[in-house]
């Protein structure tokens, strides 16, 4: 019953890239 929340990596606006990454 323990809820774990994760936010990994470092800050970097991925949405603004010219070739958007796929979800996968």
PDBML (XML) file of the C-alpha atoms, coordinates in Angstrom:
<?xml version="1.0" encoding="UTF-8" ?>
<PDBx:datablock datablockName="MODEL"
   xmlns:PDBx="http://pdbml.pdb.org/schema/pdbx-v50.xsd"
   xmlns:xsi="http://www.w3.org/2001/XMLSchema-instance"
   xsi:schemaLocation="http://pdbml.pdb.org/schema/pdbx-v50.xsd pdbx-v50.xsd">
   <PDBx:atom_siteCategory>
      <PDBx:atom_site id="1">
         <PDBx:B_iso_or_equiv>0.00</PDBx:B_iso_or_equiv>
         <PDBx:Cartn_x>0.000</PDBx:Cartn_x>
         <PDBx:Cartn_y>0.000</PDBx:Cartn_y>
         <PDBx:Cartn_z>0.000</PDBx:Cartn_z>
         <PDBx:auth_asym_id>A</PDBx:auth_asym_id>
         <PDBx:auth_atom_id>CA</PDBx:auth_atom_id>
         <PDBx:auth_comp_id>UNK</PDBx:auth_comp_id>
         <PDBx:auth_seq_id>1</PDBx:auth_seq_id>
         <PDBx:group_PDB>ATOM</PDBx:group_PDB>
         <PDBx:label_alt_id xsi:nil="true" />
         <PDBx:label_asym_id>A</PDBx:label_asym_id>
         <PDBx:label_atom_id>CA</PDBx:label_atom_id>
         <PDBx:label_comp_id>UNK</PDBx:label_comp_id>
         <PDBx:label_entity_id>1</PDBx:label_entity_id>
         <PDBx:label_seq_id>1</PDBx:label_seq_id>
         <PDBx:occupancy>1.00</PDBx:occupancy>
         <PDBx:pdbx_PDB_model_num>1</PDBx:pdbx_PDB_model_num>
         <PDBx:type_symbol>C</PDBx:type_symbol>
      </PDBx:atom_site>
      <PDBx:atom_site id="2">
         <PDBx:B_iso_or_equiv>0.00</PDBx:B_iso_or_equiv>
         <PDBx:Cartn_x>3.000</PDBx:Cartn_x>
         <PDBx:Cartn_y>2.349</PDBx:Cartn_y>
         <PDBx:Cartn_z>-0.305</PDBx:Cartn_z>
         <PDBx:auth_asym_id>A</PDBx:auth_asym_id>
         <PDBx:auth_atom_id>CA</PDBx:auth_atom_id>
         <PDBx:auth_comp_id>UNK</PDBx:auth_comp_id>
         <PDBx:auth_seq_id>2</PDBx:auth_seq_id>
         <PDBx:group_PDB>ATOM</PDBx:group_PDB>
         <PDBx:label_alt_id xsi:nil="true" />
         <PDBx:label_asym_id>A</PDBx:label_asym_id>
         <PDBx:label_atom_id>CA</PDBx:label_atom_id>
         <PDBx:label_comp_id>UNK</PDBx:label_comp_id>
         <PDBx:label_entity_id>1</PDBx:label_entity_id>
         <PDBx:label_seq_id>2</PDBx:label_seq_id>
         <PDBx:occupancy>1.00</PDBx:occupancy>
         <PDBx:pdbx_PDB_model_num>1</PDBx:pdbx_PDB_model_num>
         <PDBx:type_symbol>C</PDBx:type_symbol>
      </PDBx:atom_site>
      <PDBx:atom_site id="3">
         <PDBx:B_iso_or_equiv>0.00</PDBx:B_iso_or_equiv>
         <PDBx:Cartn_x>2.679</PDBx:Cartn_x>
         <PDBx:Cartn_y>4.834</PDBx:Cartn_y>
         <PDBx:Cartn_z>-3.163</PDBx:Cartn_z>
         <PDBx:auth_asym_id>A</PDBx:auth_asym_id>
         <PDBx:auth_atom_id>CA</PDBx:auth_atom_id>
         <PDBx:auth_comp_id>UNK</PDBx:auth_comp_id>
         <PDBx:auth_seq_id>3</PDBx:auth_seq_id>
         <PDBx:group_PDB>ATOM</PDBx:group_PDB>
         <PDBx:label_alt_id xsi:nil="true" />
         <PDBx:label_asym_id>A</PDBx:label_asym_id>
         <PDBx:label_atom_id>CA</PDBx:label_atom_id>
         <PDBx:label_comp_id>UNK</PDBx:label_comp_id>
         <PDBx:label_entity_id>1</PDBx:label_entity_id>
         <PDBx:label_seq_id>3</PDBx:label_seq_id>
         <PDBx:occupancy>1.00</PDBx:occupancy>
         <PDBx:pdbx_PDB_model_num>1</PDBx:pdbx_PDB_model_num>
         <PDBx:type_symbol>C</PDBx:type_symbol>
      </PDBx:atom_site>
      <PDBx:atom_site id="4">
         <PDBx:B_iso_or_equiv>0.00</PDBx:B_iso_or_equiv>
         <PDBx:Cartn_x>5.912</PDBx:Cartn_x>
         <PDBx:Cartn_y>5.732</PDBx:Cartn_y>
         <PDBx:Cartn_z>-4.953</PDBx:Cartn_z>
         <PDBx:auth_asym_id>A</PDBx:auth_asym_id>
         <PDBx:auth_atom_id>CA</PDBx:auth_atom_id>
         <PDBx:auth_comp_id>UNK</PDBx:auth_comp_id>
         <PDBx:auth_seq_id>4</PDBx:auth_seq_id>
         <PDBx:group_PDB>ATOM</PDBx:group_PDB>
         <PDBx:label_alt_id xsi:nil="true" />
         <PDBx:label_asym_id>A</PDBx:label_asym_id>
         <PDBx:label_atom_id>CA</PDBx:label_atom_id>
         <PDBx:label_comp_id>UNK</PDBx:label_comp_id>
         <PDBx:label_entity_id>1</PDBx:label_entity_id>
         <PDBx:label_seq_id>4</PDBx:label_seq_id>
         <PDBx:occupancy>1.00</PDBx:occupancy>
         <PDBx:pdbx_PDB_model_num>1</PDBx:pdbx_PDB_model_num>
         <PDBx:type_symbol>C</PDBx:type_symbol>
      </PDBx:atom_site>
      <PDBx:atom_site id="5">
         <PDBx:B_iso_or_equiv>0.00</PDBx:B_iso_or_equiv>
         <PDBx:Cartn_x>6.062</PDBx:Cartn_x>
         <PDBx:Cartn_y>8.723</PDBx:Cartn_y>
         <PDBx:Cartn_z>-7.318</PDBx:Cartn_z>
         <PDBx:auth_asym_id>A</PDBx:auth_asym_id>
         <PDBx:auth_atom_id>CA</PDBx:auth_atom_id>
         <PDBx:auth_comp_id>UNK</PDBx:auth_comp_id>
         <PDBx:auth_seq_id>5</PDBx:auth_seq_id>
         <PDBx:group_PDB>ATOM</PDBx:group_PDB>
         <PDBx:label_alt_id xsi:nil="true" />
         <PDBx:label_asym_id>A</PDBx:label_asym_id>
         <PDBx:label_atom_id>CA</PDBx:label_atom_id>
         <PDBx:label_comp_id>UNK</PDBx:label_comp_id>
         <PDBx:label_entity_id>1</PDBx:label_entity_id>
         <PDBx:label_seq_id>5</PDBx:label_seq_id>
         <PDBx:occupancy>1.00</PDBx:occupancy>
         <PDBx:pdbx_PDB_model_num>1</PDBx:pdbx_PDB_model_num>
         <PDBx:type_symbol>C</PDBx:type_symbol>
      </PDBx:atom_site>
      <PDBx:atom_site id="6">
         <PDBx:B_iso_or_equiv>0.00</PDBx:B_iso_or_equiv>
         <PDBx:Cartn_x>9.024</PDBx:Cartn_x>
         <PDBx:Cartn_y>9.303</PDBx:Cartn_y>
         <PDBx:Cartn_z>-9.631</PDBx:Cartn_z>
         <PDBx:auth_asym_id>A</PDBx:auth_asym_id>
         <PDBx:auth_atom_id>CA</PDBx:auth_atom_id>
         <PDBx:auth_comp_id>UNK</PDBx:auth_comp_id>
         <PDBx:auth_seq_id>6</PDBx:auth_seq_id>
         <PDBx:group_PDB>ATOM</PDBx:group_PDB>
         <PDBx:label_alt_id xsi:nil="true" />
         <PDBx:label_asym_id>A</PDBx:label_asym_id>
         <PDBx:label_atom_id>CA</PDBx:label_atom_id>
         <PDBx:label_comp_id>UNK</PDBx:label_comp_id>
         <PDBx:label_entity_id>1</PDBx:label_entity_id>
         <PDBx:label_seq_id>6</PDBx:label_seq_id>
         <PDBx:occupancy>1.00</PDBx:occupancy>
         <PDBx:pdbx_PDB_model_num>1</PDBx:pdbx_PDB_model_num>
         <PDBx:type_symbol>C</PDBx:type_symbol>
      </PDBx:atom_site>
      <PDBx:atom_site id="7">
         <PDBx:B_iso_or_equiv>0.00</PDBx:B_iso_or_equiv>
         <PDBx:Cartn_x>10.255</PDBx:Cartn_x>
         <PDBx:Cartn_y>12.224</PDBx:Cartn_y>
         <PDBx:Cartn_z>-11.726</PDBx:Cartn_z>
         <PDBx:auth_asym_id>A</PDBx:auth_asym_id>
         <PDBx:auth_atom_id>CA</PDBx:auth_atom_id>
         <PDBx:auth_comp_id>UNK</PDBx:auth_comp_id>
         <PDBx:auth_seq_id>7</PDBx:auth_seq_id>
         <PDBx:group_PDB>ATOM</PDBx:group_PDB>
         <PDBx:label_alt_id xsi:nil="true" />
         <PDBx:label_asym_id>A</PDBx:label_asym_id>
         <PDBx:label_atom_id>CA</PDBx:label_atom_id>
         <PDBx:label_comp_id>UNK</PDBx:label_comp_id>
         <PDBx:label_entity_id>1</PDBx:label_entity_id>
         <PDBx:label_seq_id>7</PDBx:label_seq_id>
         <PDBx:occupancy>1.00</PDBx:occupancy>
         <PDBx:pdbx_PDB_model_num>1</PDBx:pdbx_PDB_model_num>
         <PDBx:type_symbol>C</PDBx:type_symbol>
      </PDBx:atom_site>
      <PDBx:atom_site id="8">
         <PDBx:B_iso_or_equiv>0.00</PDBx:B_iso_or_equiv>
         <PDBx:Cartn_x>13.528</PDBx:Cartn_x>
         <PDBx:Cartn_y>11.142</PDBx:Cartn_y>
         <PDBx:Cartn_z>-13.269</PDBx:Cartn_z>
         <PDBx:auth_asym_id>A</PDBx:auth_asym_id>
         <PDBx:auth_atom_id>CA</PDBx:auth_atom_id>
         <PDBx:auth_comp_id>UNK</PDBx:auth_comp_id>
         <PDBx:auth_seq_id>8</PDBx:auth_seq_id>
         <PDBx:group_PDB>ATOM</PDBx:group_PDB>
         <PDBx:label_alt_id xsi:nil="true" />
         <PDBx:label_asym_id>A</PDBx:label_asym_id>
         <PDBx:label_atom_id>CA</PDBx:label_atom_id>
         <PDBx:label_comp_id>UNK</PDBx:label_comp_id>
         <PDBx:label_entity_id>1</PDBx:label_entity_id>
         <PDBx:label_seq_id>8</PDBx:label_seq_id>
         <PDBx:occupancy>1.00</PDBx:occupancy>
         <PDBx:pdbx_PDB_model_num>1</PDBx:pdbx_PDB_model_num>
         <PDBx:type_symbol>C</PDBx:type_symbol>
      </PDBx:atom_site>
      <PDBx:atom_site id="9">
         <PDBx:B_iso_or_equiv>0.00</PDBx:B_iso_or_equiv>
         <PDBx:Cartn_x>16.118</PDBx:Cartn_x>
         <PDBx:Cartn_y>12.798</PDBx:Cartn_y>
         <PDBx:Cartn_z>-15.461</PDBx:Cartn_z>
         <PDBx:auth_asym_id>A</PDBx:auth_asym_id>
         <PDBx:auth_atom_id>CA</PDBx:auth_atom_id>
         <PDBx:auth_comp_id>UNK</PDBx:auth_comp_id>
         <PDBx:auth_seq_id>9</PDBx:auth_seq_id>
         <PDBx:group_PDB>ATOM</PDBx:group_PDB>
         <PDBx:label_alt_id xsi:nil="true" />
         <PDBx:label_asym_id>A</PDBx:label_asym_id>
         <PDBx:label_atom_id>CA</PDBx:label_atom_id>
         <PDBx:label_comp_id>UNK</PDBx:label_comp_id>
         <PDBx:label_entity_id>1</PDBx:label_entity_id>
         <PDBx:label_seq_id>9</PDBx:label_seq_id>
         <PDBx:occupancy>1.00</PDBx:occupancy>
         <PDBx:pdbx_PDB_model_num>1</PDBx:pdbx_PDB_model_num>
         <PDBx:type_symbol>C</PDBx:type_symbol>
      </PDBx:atom_site>
      <PDBx:atom_site id="10">
         <PDBx:B_iso_or_equiv>0.00</PDBx:B_iso_or_equiv>
         <PDBx:Cartn_x>17.149</PDBx:Cartn_x>
         <PDBx:Cartn_y>16.445</PDBx:Cartn_y>
         <PDBx:Cartn_z>-15.650</PDBx:Cartn_z>
         <PDBx:auth_asym_id>A</PDBx:auth_asym_id>
         <PDBx:auth_atom_id>CA</PDBx:auth_atom_id>
         <PDBx:auth_comp_id>UNK</PDBx:auth_comp_id>
         <PDBx:auth_seq_id>10</PDBx:auth_seq_id>
         <PDBx:group_PDB>ATOM</PDBx:group_PDB>
         <PDBx:label_alt_id xsi:nil="true" />
         <PDBx:label_asym_id>A</PDBx:label_asym_id>
         <PDBx:label_atom_id>CA</PDBx:label_atom_id>
         <PDBx:label_comp_id>UNK</PDBx:label_comp_id>
         <PDBx:label_entity_id>1</PDBx:label_entity_id>
         <PDBx:label_seq_id>10</PDBx:label_seq_id>
         <PDBx:occupancy>1.00</PDBx:occupancy>
         <PDBx:pdbx_PDB_model_num>1</PDBx:pdbx_PDB_model_num>
         <PDBx:type_symbol>C</PDBx:type_symbol>
      </PDBx:atom_site>
      <PDBx:atom_site id="11">
         <PDBx:B_iso_or_equiv>0.00</PDBx:B_iso_or_equiv>
         <PDBx:Cartn_x>15.240</PDBx:Cartn_x>
         <PDBx:Cartn_y>19.528</PDBx:Cartn_y>
         <PDBx:Cartn_z>-16.724</PDBx:Cartn_z>
         <PDBx:auth_asym_id>A</PDBx:auth_asym_id>
         <PDBx:auth_atom_id>CA</PDBx:auth_atom_id>
         <PDBx:auth_comp_id>UNK</PDBx:auth_comp_id>
         <PDBx:auth_seq_id>11</PDBx:auth_seq_id>
         <PDBx:group_PDB>ATOM</PDBx:group_PDB>
         <PDBx:label_alt_id xsi:nil="true" />
         <PDBx:label_asym_id>A</PDBx:label_asym_id>
         <PDBx:label_atom_id>CA</PDBx:label_atom_id>
         <PDBx:label_comp_id>UNK</PDBx:label_comp_id>
         <PDBx:label_entity_id>1</PDBx:label_entity_id>
         <PDBx:label_seq_id>11</PDBx:label_seq_id>
         <PDBx:occupancy>1.00</PDBx:occupancy>
         <PDBx:pdbx_PDB_model_num>1</PDBx:pdbx_PDB_model_num>
         <PDBx:type_symbol>C</PDBx:type_symbol>
      </PDBx:atom_site>
      <PDBx:atom_site id="12">
         <PDBx:B_iso_or_equiv>0.00</PDBx:B_iso_or_equiv>
         <PDBx:Cartn_x>15.085</PDBx:Cartn_x>
         <PDBx:Cartn_y>19.985</PDBx:Cartn_y>
         <PDBx:Cartn_z>-20.500</PDBx:Cartn_z>
         <PDBx:auth_asym_id>A</PDBx:auth_asym_id>
         <PDBx:auth_atom_id>CA</PDBx:auth_atom_id>
         <PDBx:auth_comp_id>UNK</PDBx:auth_comp_id>
         <PDBx:auth_seq_id>12</PDBx:auth_seq_id>
         <PDBx:group_PDB>ATOM</PDBx:group_PDB>
         <PDBx:label_alt_id xsi:nil="true" />
         <PDBx:label_asym_id>A</PDBx:label_asym_id>
         <PDBx:label_atom_id>CA</PDBx:label_atom_id>
         <PDBx:label_comp_id>UNK</PDBx:label_comp_id>
         <PDBx:label_entity_id>1</PDBx:label_entity_id>
         <PDBx:label_seq_id>12</PDBx:label_seq_id>
         <PDBx:occupancy>1.00</PDBx:occupancy>
         <PDBx:pdbx_PDB_model_num>1</PDBx:pdbx_PDB_model_num>
         <PDBx:type_symbol>C</PDBx:type_symbol>
      </PDBx:atom_site>
      <PDBx:atom_site id="13">
         <PDBx:B_iso_or_equiv>0.00</PDBx:B_iso_or_equiv>
         <PDBx:Cartn_x>12.156</PDBx:Cartn_x>
         <PDBx:Cartn_y>21.028</PDBx:Cartn_y>
         <PDBx:Cartn_z>-22.656</PDBx:Cartn_z>
         <PDBx:auth_asym_id>A</PDBx:auth_asym_id>
         <PDBx:auth_atom_id>CA</PDBx:auth_atom_id>
         <PDBx:auth_comp_id>UNK</PDBx:auth_comp_id>
         <PDBx:auth_seq_id>13</PDBx:auth_seq_id>
         <PDBx:group_PDB>ATOM</PDBx:group_PDB>
         <PDBx:label_alt_id xsi:nil="true" />
         <PDBx:label_asym_id>A</PDBx:label_asym_id>
         <PDBx:label_atom_id>CA</PDBx:label_atom_id>
         <PDBx:label_comp_id>UNK</PDBx:label_comp_id>
         <PDBx:label_entity_id>1</PDBx:label_entity_id>
         <PDBx:label_seq_id>13</PDBx:label_seq_id>
         <PDBx:occupancy>1.00</PDBx:occupancy>
         <PDBx:pdbx_PDB_model_num>1</PDBx:pdbx_PDB_model_num>
         <PDBx:type_symbol>C</PDBx:type_symbol>
      </PDBx:atom_site>
      <PDBx:atom_site id="14">
         <PDBx:B_iso_or_equiv>0.00</PDBx:B_iso_or_equiv>
         <PDBx:Cartn_x>11.605</PDBx:Cartn_x>
         <PDBx:Cartn_y>17.990</PDBx:Cartn_y>
         <PDBx:Cartn_z>-24.836</PDBx:Cartn_z>
         <PDBx:auth_asym_id>A</PDBx:auth_asym_id>
         <PDBx:auth_atom_id>CA</PDBx:auth_atom_id>
         <PDBx:auth_comp_id>UNK</PDBx:auth_comp_id>
         <PDBx:auth_seq_id>14</PDBx:auth_seq_id>
         <PDBx:group_PDB>ATOM</PDBx:group_PDB>
         <PDBx:label_alt_id xsi:nil="true" />
         <PDBx:label_asym_id>A</PDBx:label_asym_id>
         <PDBx:label_atom_id>CA</PDBx:label_atom_id>
         <PDBx:label_comp_id>UNK</PDBx:label_comp_id>
         <PDBx:label_entity_id>1</PDBx:label_entity_id>
         <PDBx:label_seq_id>14</PDBx:label_seq_id>
         <PDBx:occupancy>1.00</PDBx:occupancy>
         <PDBx:pdbx_PDB_model_num>1</PDBx:pdbx_PDB_model_num>
         <PDBx:type_symbol>C</PDBx:type_symbol>
      </PDBx:atom_site>
      <PDBx:atom_site id="15">
         <PDBx:B_iso_or_equiv>0.00</PDBx:B_iso_or_equiv>
         <PDBx:Cartn_x>8.387</PDBx:Cartn_x>
         <PDBx:Cartn_y>19.384</PDBx:Cartn_y>
         <PDBx:Cartn_z>-26.349</PDBx:Cartn_z>
         <PDBx:auth_asym_id>A</PDBx:auth_asym_id>
         <PDBx:auth_atom_id>CA</PDBx:auth_atom_id>
         <PDBx:auth_comp_id>UNK</PDBx:auth_comp_id>
         <PDBx:auth_seq_id>15</PDBx:auth_seq_id>
         <PDBx:group_PDB>ATOM</PDBx:group_PDB>
         <PDBx:label_alt_id xsi:nil="true" />
         <PDBx:label_asym_id>A</PDBx:label_asym_id>
         <PDBx:label_atom_id>CA</PDBx:label_atom_id>
         <PDBx:label_comp_id>UNK</PDBx:label_comp_id>
         <PDBx:label_entity_id>1</PDBx:label_entity_id>
         <PDBx:label_seq_id>15</PDBx:label_seq_id>
         <PDBx:occupancy>1.00</PDBx:occupancy>
         <PDBx:pdbx_PDB_model_num>1</PDBx:pdbx_PDB_model_num>
         <PDBx:type_symbol>C</PDBx:type_symbol>
      </PDBx:atom_site>
      <PDBx:atom_site id="16">
         <PDBx:B_iso_or_equiv>0.00</PDBx:B_iso_or_equiv>
         <PDBx:Cartn_x>10.230</PDBx:Cartn_x>
         <PDBx:Cartn_y>22.114</PDBx:Cartn_y>
         <PDBx:Cartn_z>-28.213</PDBx:Cartn_z>
         <PDBx:auth_asym_id>A</PDBx:auth_asym_id>
         <PDBx:auth_atom_id>CA</PDBx:auth_atom_id>
         <PDBx:auth_comp_id>UNK</PDBx:auth_comp_id>
         <PDBx:auth_seq_id>16</PDBx:auth_seq_id>
         <PDBx:group_PDB>ATOM</PDBx:group_PDB>
         <PDBx:label_alt_id xsi:nil="true" />
         <PDBx:label_asym_id>A</PDBx:label_asym_id>
         <PDBx:label_atom_id>CA</PDBx:label_atom_id>
         <PDBx:label_comp_id>UNK</PDBx:label_comp_id>
         <PDBx:label_entity_id>1</PDBx:label_entity_id>
         <PDBx:label_seq_id>16</PDBx:label_seq_id>
         <PDBx:occupancy>1.00</PDBx:occupancy>
         <PDBx:pdbx_PDB_model_num>1</PDBx:pdbx_PDB_model_num>
         <PDBx:type_symbol>C</PDBx:type_symbol>
      </PDBx:atom_site>
      <PDBx:atom_site id="17">
         <PDBx:B_iso_or_equiv>0.00</PDBx:B_iso_or_equiv>
         <PDBx:Cartn_x>12.460</PDBx:Cartn_x>
         <PDBx:Cartn_y>19.850</PDBx:Cartn_y>
         <PDBx:Cartn_z>-30.288</PDBx:Cartn_z>
         <PDBx:auth_asym_id>A</PDBx:auth_asym_id>
         <PDBx:auth_atom_id>CA</PDBx:auth_atom_id>
         <PDBx:auth_comp_id>UNK</PDBx:auth_comp_id>
         <PDBx:auth_seq_id>17</PDBx:auth_seq_id>
         <PDBx:group_PDB>ATOM</PDBx:group_PDB>
         <PDBx:label_alt_id xsi:nil="true" />
         <PDBx:label_asym_id>A</PDBx:label_asym_id>
         <PDBx:label_atom_id>CA</PDBx:label_atom_id>
         <PDBx:label_comp_id>UNK</PDBx:label_comp_id>
         <PDBx:label_entity_id>1</PDBx:label_entity_id>
         <PDBx:label_seq_id>17</PDBx:label_seq_id>
         <PDBx:occupancy>1.00</PDBx:occupancy>
         <PDBx:pdbx_PDB_model_num>1</PDBx:pdbx_PDB_model_num>
         <PDBx:type_symbol>C</PDBx:type_symbol>
      </PDBx:atom_site>
      <PDBx:atom_site id="18">
         <PDBx:B_iso_or_equiv>0.00</PDBx:B_iso_or_equiv>
         <PDBx:Cartn_x>12.160</PDBx:Cartn_x>
         <PDBx:Cartn_y>19.943</PDBx:Cartn_y>
         <PDBx:Cartn_z>-34.057</PDBx:Cartn_z>
         <PDBx:auth_asym_id>A</PDBx:auth_asym_id>
         <PDBx:auth_atom_id>CA</PDBx:auth_atom_id>
         <PDBx:auth_comp_id>UNK</PDBx:auth_comp_id>
         <PDBx:auth_seq_id>18</PDBx:auth_seq_id>
         <PDBx:group_PDB>ATOM</PDBx:group_PDB>
         <PDBx:label_alt_id xsi:nil="true" />
         <PDBx:label_asym_id>A</PDBx:label_asym_id>
         <PDBx:label_atom_id>CA</PDBx:label_atom_id>
         <PDBx:label_comp_id>UNK</PDBx:label_comp_id>
         <PDBx:label_entity_id>1</PDBx:label_entity_id>
         <PDBx:label_seq_id>18</PDBx:label_seq_id>
         <PDBx:occupancy>1.00</PDBx:occupancy>
         <PDBx:pdbx_PDB_model_num>1</PDBx:pdbx_PDB_model_num>
         <PDBx:type_symbol>C</PDBx:type_symbol>
      </PDBx:atom_site>
      <PDBx:atom_site id="19">
         <PDBx:B_iso_or_equiv>0.00</PDBx:B_iso_or_equiv>
         <PDBx:Cartn_x>11.579</PDBx:Cartn_x>
         <PDBx:Cartn_y>16.170</PDBx:Cartn_y>
         <PDBx:Cartn_z>-34.206</PDBx:Cartn_z>
         <PDBx:auth_asym_id>A</PDBx:auth_asym_id>
         <PDBx:auth_atom_id>CA</PDBx:auth_atom_id>
         <PDBx:auth_comp_id>UNK</PDBx:auth_comp_id>
         <PDBx:auth_seq_id>19</PDBx:auth_seq_id>
         <PDBx:group_PDB>ATOM</PDBx:group_PDB>
         <PDBx:label_alt_id xsi:nil="true" />
         <PDBx:label_asym_id>A</PDBx:label_asym_id>
         <PDBx:label_atom_id>CA</PDBx:label_atom_id>
         <PDBx:label_comp_id>UNK</PDBx:label_comp_id>
         <PDBx:label_entity_id>1</PDBx:label_entity_id>
         <PDBx:label_seq_id>19</PDBx:label_seq_id>
         <PDBx:occupancy>1.00</PDBx:occupancy>
         <PDBx:pdbx_PDB_model_num>1</PDBx:pdbx_PDB_model_num>
         <PDBx:type_symbol>C</PDBx:type_symbol>
      </PDBx:atom_site>
      <PDBx:atom_site id="20">
         <PDBx:B_iso_or_equiv>0.00</PDBx:B_iso_or_equiv>
         <PDBx:Cartn_x>9.208</PDBx:Cartn_x>
         <PDBx:Cartn_y>15.268</PDBx:Cartn_y>
         <PDBx:Cartn_z>-31.411</PDBx:Cartn_z>
         <PDBx:auth_asym_id>A</PDBx:auth_asym_id>
         <PDBx:auth_atom_id>CA</PDBx:auth_atom_id>
         <PDBx:auth_comp_id>UNK</PDBx:auth_comp_id>
         <PDBx:auth_seq_id>20</PDBx:auth_seq_id>
         <PDBx:group_PDB>ATOM</PDBx:group_PDB>
         <PDBx:label_alt_id xsi:nil="true" />
         <PDBx:label_asym_id>A</PDBx:label_asym_id>
         <PDBx:label_atom_id>CA</PDBx:label_atom_id>
         <PDBx:label_comp_id>UNK</PDBx:label_comp_id>
         <PDBx:label_entity_id>1</PDBx:label_entity_id>
         <PDBx:label_seq_id>20</PDBx:label_seq_id>
         <PDBx:occupancy>1.00</PDBx:occupancy>
         <PDBx:pdbx_PDB_model_num>1</PDBx:pdbx_PDB_model_num>
         <PDBx:type_symbol>C</PDBx:type_symbol>
      </PDBx:atom_site>
      <PDBx:atom_site id="21">
         <PDBx:B_iso_or_equiv>0.00</PDBx:B_iso_or_equiv>
         <PDBx:Cartn_x>10.051</PDBx:Cartn_x>
         <PDBx:Cartn_y>12.054</PDBx:Cartn_y>
         <PDBx:Cartn_z>-29.629</PDBx:Cartn_z>
         <PDBx:auth_asym_id>A</PDBx:auth_asym_id>
         <PDBx:auth_atom_id>CA</PDBx:auth_atom_id>
         <PDBx:auth_comp_id>UNK</PDBx:auth_comp_id>
         <PDBx:auth_seq_id>21</PDBx:auth_seq_id>
         <PDBx:group_PDB>ATOM</PDBx:group_PDB>
         <PDBx:label_alt_id xsi:nil="true" />
         <PDBx:label_asym_id>A</PDBx:label_asym_id>
         <PDBx:label_atom_id>CA</PDBx:label_atom_id>
         <PDBx:label_comp_id>UNK</PDBx:label_comp_id>
         <PDBx:label_entity_id>1</PDBx:label_entity_id>
         <PDBx:label_seq_id>21</PDBx:label_seq_id>
         <PDBx:occupancy>1.00</PDBx:occupancy>
         <PDBx:pdbx_PDB_model_num>1</PDBx:pdbx_PDB_model_num>
         <PDBx:type_symbol>C</PDBx:type_symbol>
      </PDBx:atom_site>
      <PDBx:atom_site id="22">
         <PDBx:B_iso_or_equiv>0.00</PDBx:B_iso_or_equiv>
         <PDBx:Cartn_x>7.614</PDBx:Cartn_x>
         <PDBx:Cartn_y>9.185</PDBx:Cartn_y>
         <PDBx:Cartn_z>-29.767</PDBx:Cartn_z>
         <PDBx:auth_asym_id>A</PDBx:auth_asym_id>
         <PDBx:auth_atom_id>CA</PDBx:auth_atom_id>
         <PDBx:auth_comp_id>UNK</PDBx:auth_comp_id>
         <PDBx:auth_seq_id>22</PDBx:auth_seq_id>
         <PDBx:group_PDB>ATOM</PDBx:group_PDB>
         <PDBx:label_alt_id xsi:nil="true" />
         <PDBx:label_asym_id>A</PDBx:label_asym_id>
         <PDBx:label_atom_id>CA</PDBx:label_atom_id>
         <PDBx:label_comp_id>UNK</PDBx:label_comp_id>
         <PDBx:label_entity_id>1</PDBx:label_entity_id>
         <PDBx:label_seq_id>22</PDBx:label_seq_id>
         <PDBx:occupancy>1.00</PDBx:occupancy>
         <PDBx:pdbx_PDB_model_num>1</PDBx:pdbx_PDB_model_num>
         <PDBx:type_symbol>C</PDBx:type_symbol>
      </PDBx:atom_site>
      <PDBx:atom_site id="23">
         <PDBx:B_iso_or_equiv>0.00</PDBx:B_iso_or_equiv>
         <PDBx:Cartn_x>5.957</PDBx:Cartn_x>
         <PDBx:Cartn_y>8.212</PDBx:Cartn_y>
         <PDBx:Cartn_z>-26.516</PDBx:Cartn_z>
         <PDBx:auth_asym_id>A</PDBx:auth_asym_id>
         <PDBx:auth_atom_id>CA</PDBx:auth_atom_id>
         <PDBx:auth_comp_id>UNK</PDBx:auth_comp_id>
         <PDBx:auth_seq_id>23</PDBx:auth_seq_id>
         <PDBx:group_PDB>ATOM</PDBx:group_PDB>
         <PDBx:label_alt_id xsi:nil="true" />
         <PDBx:label_asym_id>A</PDBx:label_asym_id>
         <PDBx:label_atom_id>CA</PDBx:label_atom_id>
         <PDBx:label_comp_id>UNK</PDBx:label_comp_id>
         <PDBx:label_entity_id>1</PDBx:label_entity_id>
         <PDBx:label_seq_id>23</PDBx:label_seq_id>
         <PDBx:occupancy>1.00</PDBx:occupancy>
         <PDBx:pdbx_PDB_model_num>1</PDBx:pdbx_PDB_model_num>
         <PDBx:type_symbol>C</PDBx:type_symbol>
      </PDBx:atom_site>
      <PDBx:atom_site id="24">
         <PDBx:B_iso_or_equiv>0.00</PDBx:B_iso_or_equiv>
         <PDBx:Cartn_x>7.980</PDBx:Cartn_x>
         <PDBx:Cartn_y>5.008</PDBx:Cartn_y>
         <PDBx:Cartn_z>-26.422</PDBx:Cartn_z>
         <PDBx:auth_asym_id>A</PDBx:auth_asym_id>
         <PDBx:auth_atom_id>CA</PDBx:auth_atom_id>
         <PDBx:auth_comp_id>UNK</PDBx:auth_comp_id>
         <PDBx:auth_seq_id>24</PDBx:auth_seq_id>
         <PDBx:group_PDB>ATOM</PDBx:group_PDB>
         <PDBx:label_alt_id xsi:nil="true" />
         <PDBx:label_asym_id>A</PDBx:label_asym_id>
         <PDBx:label_atom_id>CA</PDBx:label_atom_id>
         <PDBx:label_comp_id>UNK</PDBx:label_comp_id>
         <PDBx:label_entity_id>1</PDBx:label_entity_id>
         <PDBx:label_seq_id>24</PDBx:label_seq_id>
         <PDBx:occupancy>1.00</PDBx:occupancy>
         <PDBx:pdbx_PDB_model_num>1</PDBx:pdbx_PDB_model_num>
         <PDBx:type_symbol>C</PDBx:type_symbol>
      </PDBx:atom_site>
   </PDBx:atom_siteCategory>
</PDBx:datablock>
